[in-house]
Amino acid sequence: MHVRRVVPNIQSQSFDKSAQFYGVLGFEEVMNHGWIMTLASAENPAVQVSVMTEDQTAPVIPDMSIEVEDVDAVYEAMRERGAEIVHPLVDEEWGVRRFFVRDPDGRVVNVLSHS
């Protein structure tokens, strides 16, 4: 499986304060849908953090997001091993195909590919 990037997801009720804090660390806003904002390093755009007030189309805020090359293959591999699927494999309107799976320690992982 080819992993393109891993992004921690942080729950926040203040995008402004989060953007200011992570801005001091060198992050800039690259996406903002109102409920999720992604900040990235200007020098290395794959280095990112997402700040979320909620997940608009899923039951929980995931602990992290992992972008993979083939989300369908990862979904099938997780189902075959009996992993708990927290949110089914879906195509989202903002251009990603994703599902949520629970890791062995209870963390929720958003696994996605861009369409």
N, C-alpha and C. Protein backbone atom coordinates (compact mmCIF):
# COMPACT_ATOMS: atom_id res chain seq x y z
N MET A 1 0.83 -1.17 0.00
CA MET A 1 0.00 0.00 0.00
C MET A 1 0.89 1.25 0.00
N HIS A 2 0.57 2.17 -0.85
CA HIS A 2 1.34 3.42 -0.93
C HIS A 2 0.63 4.51 -0.14
N VAL A 3 1.32 5.06 0.87
CA VAL A 3 0.78 6.15 1.68
C VAL A 3 1.33 7.46 1.12
N ARG A 4 0.44 8.39 0.84
CA ARG A 4 0.85 9.70 0.31
C ARG A 4 1.13 10.71 1.41
N ARG A 5 0.34 10.68 2.49
CA ARG A 5 0.56 11.59 3.61
C ARG A 5 -0.28 11.15 4.80
N VAL A 6 0.12 11.59 5.97
CA VAL A 6 -0.61 11.37 7.21
C VAL A 6 -0.84 12.73 7.84
N VAL A 7 -2.10 13.01 8.22
CA VAL A 7 -2.47 14.32 8.76
C VAL A 7 -3.17 14.13 10.10
N PRO A 8 -2.63 14.71 11.18
CA PRO A 8 -3.36 14.67 12.45
C PRO A 8 -4.59 15.58 12.36
N ASN A 9 -5.68 15.15 12.98
CA ASN A 9 -6.92 15.93 13.04
C ASN A 9 -7.11 16.39 14.48
N ILE A 10 -7.26 17.69 14.65
CA ILE A 10 -7.37 18.28 15.98
C ILE A 10 -8.74 18.94 16.11
N GLN A 11 -9.46 18.57 17.16
CA GLN A 11 -10.76 19.19 17.40
C GLN A 11 -10.55 20.56 18.01
N SER A 12 -11.27 21.56 17.49
CA SER A 12 -11.14 22.94 17.96
C SER A 12 -12.45 23.68 17.74
N GLN A 13 -12.73 24.61 18.60
CA GLN A 13 -13.90 25.47 18.42
C GLN A 13 -13.49 26.87 17.98
N SER A 14 -12.18 27.09 17.75
CA SER A 14 -11.70 28.41 17.34
C SER A 14 -10.65 28.27 16.24
N PHE A 15 -11.11 28.34 15.00
CA PHE A 15 -10.18 28.27 13.88
C PHE A 15 -9.16 29.41 13.94
N ASP A 16 -9.60 30.60 14.32
CA ASP A 16 -8.70 31.75 14.37
C ASP A 16 -7.54 31.50 15.33
N LYS A 17 -7.85 31.07 16.54
CA LYS A 17 -6.80 30.81 17.53
C LYS A 17 -5.89 29.67 17.08
N SER A 18 -6.46 28.63 16.50
CA SER A 18 -5.66 27.51 16.01
C SER A 18 -4.75 27.95 14.87
N ALA A 19 -5.28 28.73 13.93
CA ALA A 19 -4.48 29.21 12.80
C ALA A 19 -3.33 30.09 13.29
N GLN A 20 -3.61 30.93 14.27
CA GLN A 20 -2.54 31.78 14.82
C GLN A 20 -1.47 30.94 15.50
N PHE A 21 -1.89 29.99 16.31
CA PHE A 21 -0.94 29.13 17.03
C PHE A 21 -0.06 28.35 16.05
N TYR A 22 -0.68 27.63 15.12
CA TYR A 22 0.10 26.82 14.18
C TYR A 22 0.84 27.69 13.17
N GLY A 23 0.37 28.93 12.96
CA GLY A 23 1.09 29.87 12.11
C GLY A 23 2.47 30.19 12.65
N VAL A 24 2.58 30.28 13.98
CA VAL A 24 3.88 30.51 14.60
C VAL A 24 4.83 29.36 14.30
N LEU A 25 4.29 28.18 14.10
CA LEU A 25 5.10 27.00 13.78
C LEU A 25 5.37 26.86 12.28
N GLY A 26 4.87 27.80 11.47
CA GLY A 26 5.15 27.78 10.04
C GLY A 26 4.05 27.23 9.16
N PHE A 27 2.85 27.05 9.71
CA PHE A 27 1.74 26.53 8.93
C PHE A 27 0.88 27.68 8.38
N GLU A 28 0.35 27.46 7.17
CA GLU A 28 -0.54 28.42 6.53
C GLU A 28 -1.83 27.71 6.11
N GLU A 29 -2.95 28.43 6.13
CA GLU A 29 -4.23 27.85 5.71
C GLU A 29 -4.21 27.52 4.22
N VAL A 30 -4.58 26.27 3.90
CA VAL A 30 -4.65 25.86 2.49
C VAL A 30 -6.06 25.40 2.10
N MET A 31 -6.92 25.15 3.10
CA MET A 31 -8.29 24.74 2.84
C MET A 31 -9.14 25.11 4.03
N ASN A 32 -10.38 25.55 3.75
CA ASN A 32 -11.30 25.86 4.84
C ASN A 32 -12.73 25.67 4.33
N HIS A 33 -13.40 24.62 4.87
CA HIS A 33 -14.78 24.34 4.51
C HIS A 33 -15.76 24.81 5.59
N GLY A 34 -15.28 25.55 6.57
CA GLY A 34 -16.14 26.02 7.64
C GLY A 34 -16.18 25.09 8.83
N TRP A 35 -16.08 23.79 8.62
CA TRP A 35 -16.07 22.81 9.70
C TRP A 35 -14.72 22.09 9.78
N ILE A 36 -13.92 22.19 8.71
CA ILE A 36 -12.56 21.66 8.70
C ILE A 36 -11.67 22.67 8.00
N MET A 37 -10.52 22.92 8.62
CA MET A 37 -9.52 23.81 8.06
C MET A 37 -8.20 23.03 8.04
N THR A 38 -7.52 23.05 6.91
CA THR A 38 -6.23 22.39 6.81
C THR A 38 -5.15 23.44 6.69
N LEU A 39 -4.12 23.25 7.48
CA LEU A 39 -2.95 24.12 7.49
C LEU A 39 -1.77 23.31 6.99
N ALA A 40 -0.89 23.94 6.19
CA ALA A 40 0.26 23.22 5.64
C ALA A 40 1.50 24.08 5.73
N SER A 41 2.63 23.41 5.71
CA SER A 41 3.92 24.09 5.67
C SER A 41 4.13 24.65 4.27
N ALA A 42 4.55 25.91 4.18
CA ALA A 42 4.82 26.53 2.87
C ALA A 42 6.01 25.85 2.20
N GLU A 43 6.98 25.41 2.97
CA GLU A 43 8.18 24.77 2.41
C GLU A 43 7.94 23.33 1.99
N ASN A 44 7.01 22.66 2.68
CA ASN A 44 6.74 21.25 2.40
C ASN A 44 5.23 21.03 2.53
N PRO A 45 4.46 21.24 1.43
CA PRO A 45 3.00 21.20 1.49
C PRO A 45 2.39 19.88 1.97
N ALA A 46 3.16 18.79 1.95
CA ALA A 46 2.63 17.52 2.44
C ALA A 46 2.62 17.46 3.97
N VAL A 47 3.31 18.39 4.62
CA VAL A 47 3.30 18.47 6.08
C VAL A 47 2.09 19.31 6.47
N GLN A 48 1.10 18.65 7.07
CA GLN A 48 -0.18 19.30 7.32
C GLN A 48 -0.76 18.94 8.68
N VAL A 49 -1.70 19.77 9.12
CA VAL A 49 -2.53 19.49 10.28
C VAL A 49 -3.93 20.00 9.92
N SER A 50 -4.95 19.22 10.29
CA SER A 50 -6.33 19.66 10.06
C SER A 50 -6.98 19.96 11.39
N VAL A 51 -7.72 21.05 11.42
CA VAL A 51 -8.45 21.50 12.61
C VAL A 51 -9.93 21.37 12.27
N MET A 52 -10.68 20.70 13.16
CA MET A 52 -12.09 20.41 12.88
C MET A 52 -12.99 20.79 14.04
N THR A 53 -14.15 21.36 13.71
CA THR A 53 -15.18 21.57 14.73
C THR A 53 -16.09 20.36 14.82
N GLU A 54 -16.21 19.64 13.71
CA GLU A 54 -17.03 18.44 13.59
C GLU A 54 -16.63 17.76 12.28
N ASP A 55 -17.16 16.58 12.03
CA ASP A 55 -17.06 16.02 10.69
C ASP A 55 -18.46 16.06 10.13
N GLN A 56 -18.65 16.84 9.10
CA GLN A 56 -19.99 17.15 8.60
C GLN A 56 -20.75 15.94 8.06
N THR A 57 -20.05 14.92 7.59
CA THR A 57 -20.76 13.79 6.98
C THR A 57 -20.45 12.45 7.65
N ALA A 58 -19.81 12.47 8.81
CA ALA A 58 -19.47 11.23 9.50
C ALA A 58 -19.84 11.35 10.98
N PRO A 59 -19.94 10.22 11.67
CA PRO A 59 -20.43 10.24 13.05
C PRO A 59 -19.44 10.75 14.10
N VAL A 60 -18.14 10.78 13.78
CA VAL A 60 -17.12 11.20 14.74
C VAL A 60 -16.02 11.99 14.04
N ILE A 61 -15.25 12.71 14.82
CA ILE A 61 -14.05 13.35 14.30
C ILE A 61 -12.93 12.32 14.35
N PRO A 62 -12.32 12.01 13.22
CA PRO A 62 -11.23 11.03 13.26
C PRO A 62 -9.99 11.59 13.94
N ASP A 63 -9.18 10.71 14.49
CA ASP A 63 -7.94 11.13 15.15
C ASP A 63 -6.87 11.52 14.14
N MET A 64 -6.88 10.88 12.99
CA MET A 64 -5.93 11.20 11.95
C MET A 64 -6.50 10.80 10.60
N SER A 65 -5.91 11.39 9.56
CA SER A 65 -6.28 11.03 8.19
C SER A 65 -5.05 10.48 7.49
N ILE A 66 -5.24 9.41 6.75
CA ILE A 66 -4.15 8.82 5.97
C ILE A 66 -4.60 8.77 4.52
N GLU A 67 -3.88 9.52 3.67
CA GLU A 67 -4.17 9.50 2.25
C GLU A 67 -3.38 8.37 1.61
N VAL A 68 -4.10 7.49 0.92
CA VAL A 68 -3.48 6.34 0.26
C VAL A 68 -3.71 6.41 -1.24
N GLU A 69 -2.95 5.63 -1.96
CA GLU A 69 -3.09 5.62 -3.41
C GLU A 69 -4.39 4.94 -3.84
N ASP A 70 -4.77 3.83 -3.17
CA ASP A 70 -5.95 3.06 -3.57
C ASP A 70 -6.82 2.77 -2.35
N VAL A 71 -7.76 3.67 -2.06
CA VAL A 71 -8.59 3.54 -0.88
C VAL A 71 -9.48 2.29 -0.95
N ASP A 72 -9.89 1.89 -2.15
CA ASP A 72 -10.74 0.69 -2.28
C ASP A 72 -9.98 -0.56 -1.85
N ALA A 73 -8.72 -0.66 -2.22
CA ALA A 73 -7.91 -1.82 -1.83
C ALA A 73 -7.70 -1.85 -0.32
N VAL A 74 -7.46 -0.69 0.28
CA VAL A 74 -7.27 -0.63 1.74
C VAL A 74 -8.57 -0.99 2.45
N TYR A 75 -9.69 -0.50 1.94
CA TYR A 75 -11.00 -0.82 2.53
C TYR A 75 -11.23 -2.34 2.53
N GLU A 76 -10.97 -2.97 1.40
CA GLU A 76 -11.16 -4.43 1.31
C GLU A 76 -10.21 -5.16 2.25
N ALA A 77 -8.96 -4.70 2.35
CA ALA A 77 -7.99 -5.34 3.24
C ALA A 77 -8.44 -5.22 4.70
N MET A 78 -8.97 -4.06 5.07
CA MET A 78 -9.44 -3.88 6.45
C MET A 78 -10.67 -4.75 6.73
N ARG A 79 -11.57 -4.83 5.78
CA ARG A 79 -12.75 -5.69 5.95
C ARG A 79 -12.35 -7.14 6.09
N GLU A 80 -11.39 -7.58 5.27
CA GLU A 80 -10.94 -8.98 5.32
C GLU A 80 -10.32 -9.33 6.66
N ARG A 81 -9.65 -8.37 7.27
CA ARG A 81 -9.02 -8.66 8.57
C ARG A 81 -9.98 -8.47 9.73
N GLY A 82 -11.22 -8.06 9.45
CA GLY A 82 -12.23 -7.93 10.49
C GLY A 82 -12.16 -6.63 11.28
N ALA A 83 -11.50 -5.62 10.74
CA ALA A 83 -11.40 -4.33 11.43
C ALA A 83 -12.77 -3.68 11.51
N GLU A 84 -12.97 -2.88 12.55
CA GLU A 84 -14.24 -2.19 12.74
C GLU A 84 -14.32 -0.97 11.81
N ILE A 85 -15.23 -1.02 10.88
CA ILE A 85 -15.48 0.10 9.97
C ILE A 85 -16.44 1.05 10.70
N VAL A 86 -15.99 2.25 10.99
CA VAL A 86 -16.77 3.23 11.76
C VAL A 86 -17.66 4.06 10.84
N HIS A 87 -17.20 4.28 9.61
CA HIS A 87 -17.94 5.06 8.60
C HIS A 87 -17.68 4.37 7.26
N PRO A 88 -18.73 4.07 6.50
CA PRO A 88 -18.56 3.29 5.27
C PRO A 88 -17.79 4.04 4.17
N LEU A 89 -17.33 3.31 3.21
CA LEU A 89 -16.62 3.87 2.06
C LEU A 89 -17.60 4.68 1.22
N VAL A 90 -17.31 5.99 1.08
CA VAL A 90 -18.19 6.89 0.34
C VAL A 90 -17.37 7.90 -0.46
N ASP A 91 -18.01 8.43 -1.50
CA ASP A 91 -17.46 9.54 -2.26
C ASP A 91 -18.04 10.82 -1.68
N GLU A 92 -17.17 11.72 -1.22
CA GLU A 92 -17.62 12.98 -0.63
C GLU A 92 -17.65 14.07 -1.70
N GLU A 93 -18.53 15.05 -1.51
CA GLU A 93 -18.73 16.11 -2.49
C GLU A 93 -17.50 16.99 -2.68
N TRP A 94 -16.57 17.00 -1.73
CA TRP A 94 -15.38 17.85 -1.85
C TRP A 94 -14.21 17.12 -2.51
N GLY A 95 -14.45 15.97 -3.13
CA GLY A 95 -13.44 15.35 -3.97
C GLY A 95 -12.59 14.26 -3.34
N VAL A 96 -13.06 13.64 -2.27
CA VAL A 96 -12.33 12.51 -1.71
C VAL A 96 -13.24 11.29 -1.62
N ARG A 97 -12.64 10.14 -1.68
CA ARG A 97 -13.32 8.87 -1.42
C ARG A 97 -12.70 8.38 -0.12
N ARG A 98 -13.54 8.05 0.88
CA ARG A 98 -12.98 7.74 2.19
C ARG A 98 -13.84 6.78 2.99
N PHE A 99 -13.21 6.24 4.04
CA PHE A 99 -13.91 5.47 5.07
C PHE A 99 -13.15 5.67 6.38
N PHE A 100 -13.82 5.36 7.50
CA PHE A 100 -13.19 5.44 8.82
C PHE A 100 -13.06 4.02 9.35
N VAL A 101 -11.93 3.73 9.97
CA VAL A 101 -11.69 2.44 10.58
C VAL A 101 -11.07 2.67 11.96
N ARG A 102 -11.41 1.78 12.91
CA ARG A 102 -10.87 1.90 14.27
C ARG A 102 -9.59 1.06 14.38
N ASP A 103 -8.53 1.67 14.92
CA ASP A 103 -7.27 0.93 15.09
C ASP A 103 -7.36 0.07 16.35
N PRO A 104 -6.37 -0.80 16.60
CA PRO A 104 -6.45 -1.71 17.76
C PRO A 104 -6.54 -1.00 19.11
N ASP A 105 -6.11 0.26 19.20
CA ASP A 105 -6.17 1.00 20.46
C ASP A 105 -7.37 1.93 20.55
N GLY A 106 -8.28 1.84 19.59
CA GLY A 106 -9.52 2.61 19.65
C GLY A 106 -9.52 3.92 18.89
N ARG A 107 -8.39 4.29 18.29
CA ARG A 107 -8.34 5.54 17.51
C ARG A 107 -9.09 5.36 16.19
N VAL A 108 -9.75 6.43 15.75
CA VAL A 108 -10.47 6.39 14.48
C VAL A 108 -9.59 7.01 13.41
N VAL A 109 -9.39 6.25 12.33
CA VAL A 109 -8.53 6.67 11.23
C VAL A 109 -9.38 6.90 9.99
N ASN A 110 -9.27 8.08 9.42
CA ASN A 110 -9.93 8.44 8.16
C ASN A 110 -8.97 8.03 7.04
N VAL A 111 -9.34 7.04 6.25
CA VAL A 111 -8.51 6.58 5.13
C VAL A 111 -9.13 7.11 3.85
N LEU A 112 -8.33 7.80 3.04
CA LEU A 112 -8.90 8.48 1.88
C LEU A 112 -7.97 8.49 0.67
N SER A 113 -8.58 8.73 -0.47
CA SER A 113 -7.89 9.03 -1.72
C SER A 113 -8.62 10.20 -2.35
N HIS A 114 -7.88 11.05 -3.02
CA HIS A 114 -8.52 12.15 -3.77
C HIS A 114 -9.06 11.62 -5.09
N SER A 115 -10.24 12.11 -5.46
CA SER A 115 -10.88 11.67 -6.70
C SER A 115 -10.19 12.27 -7.90
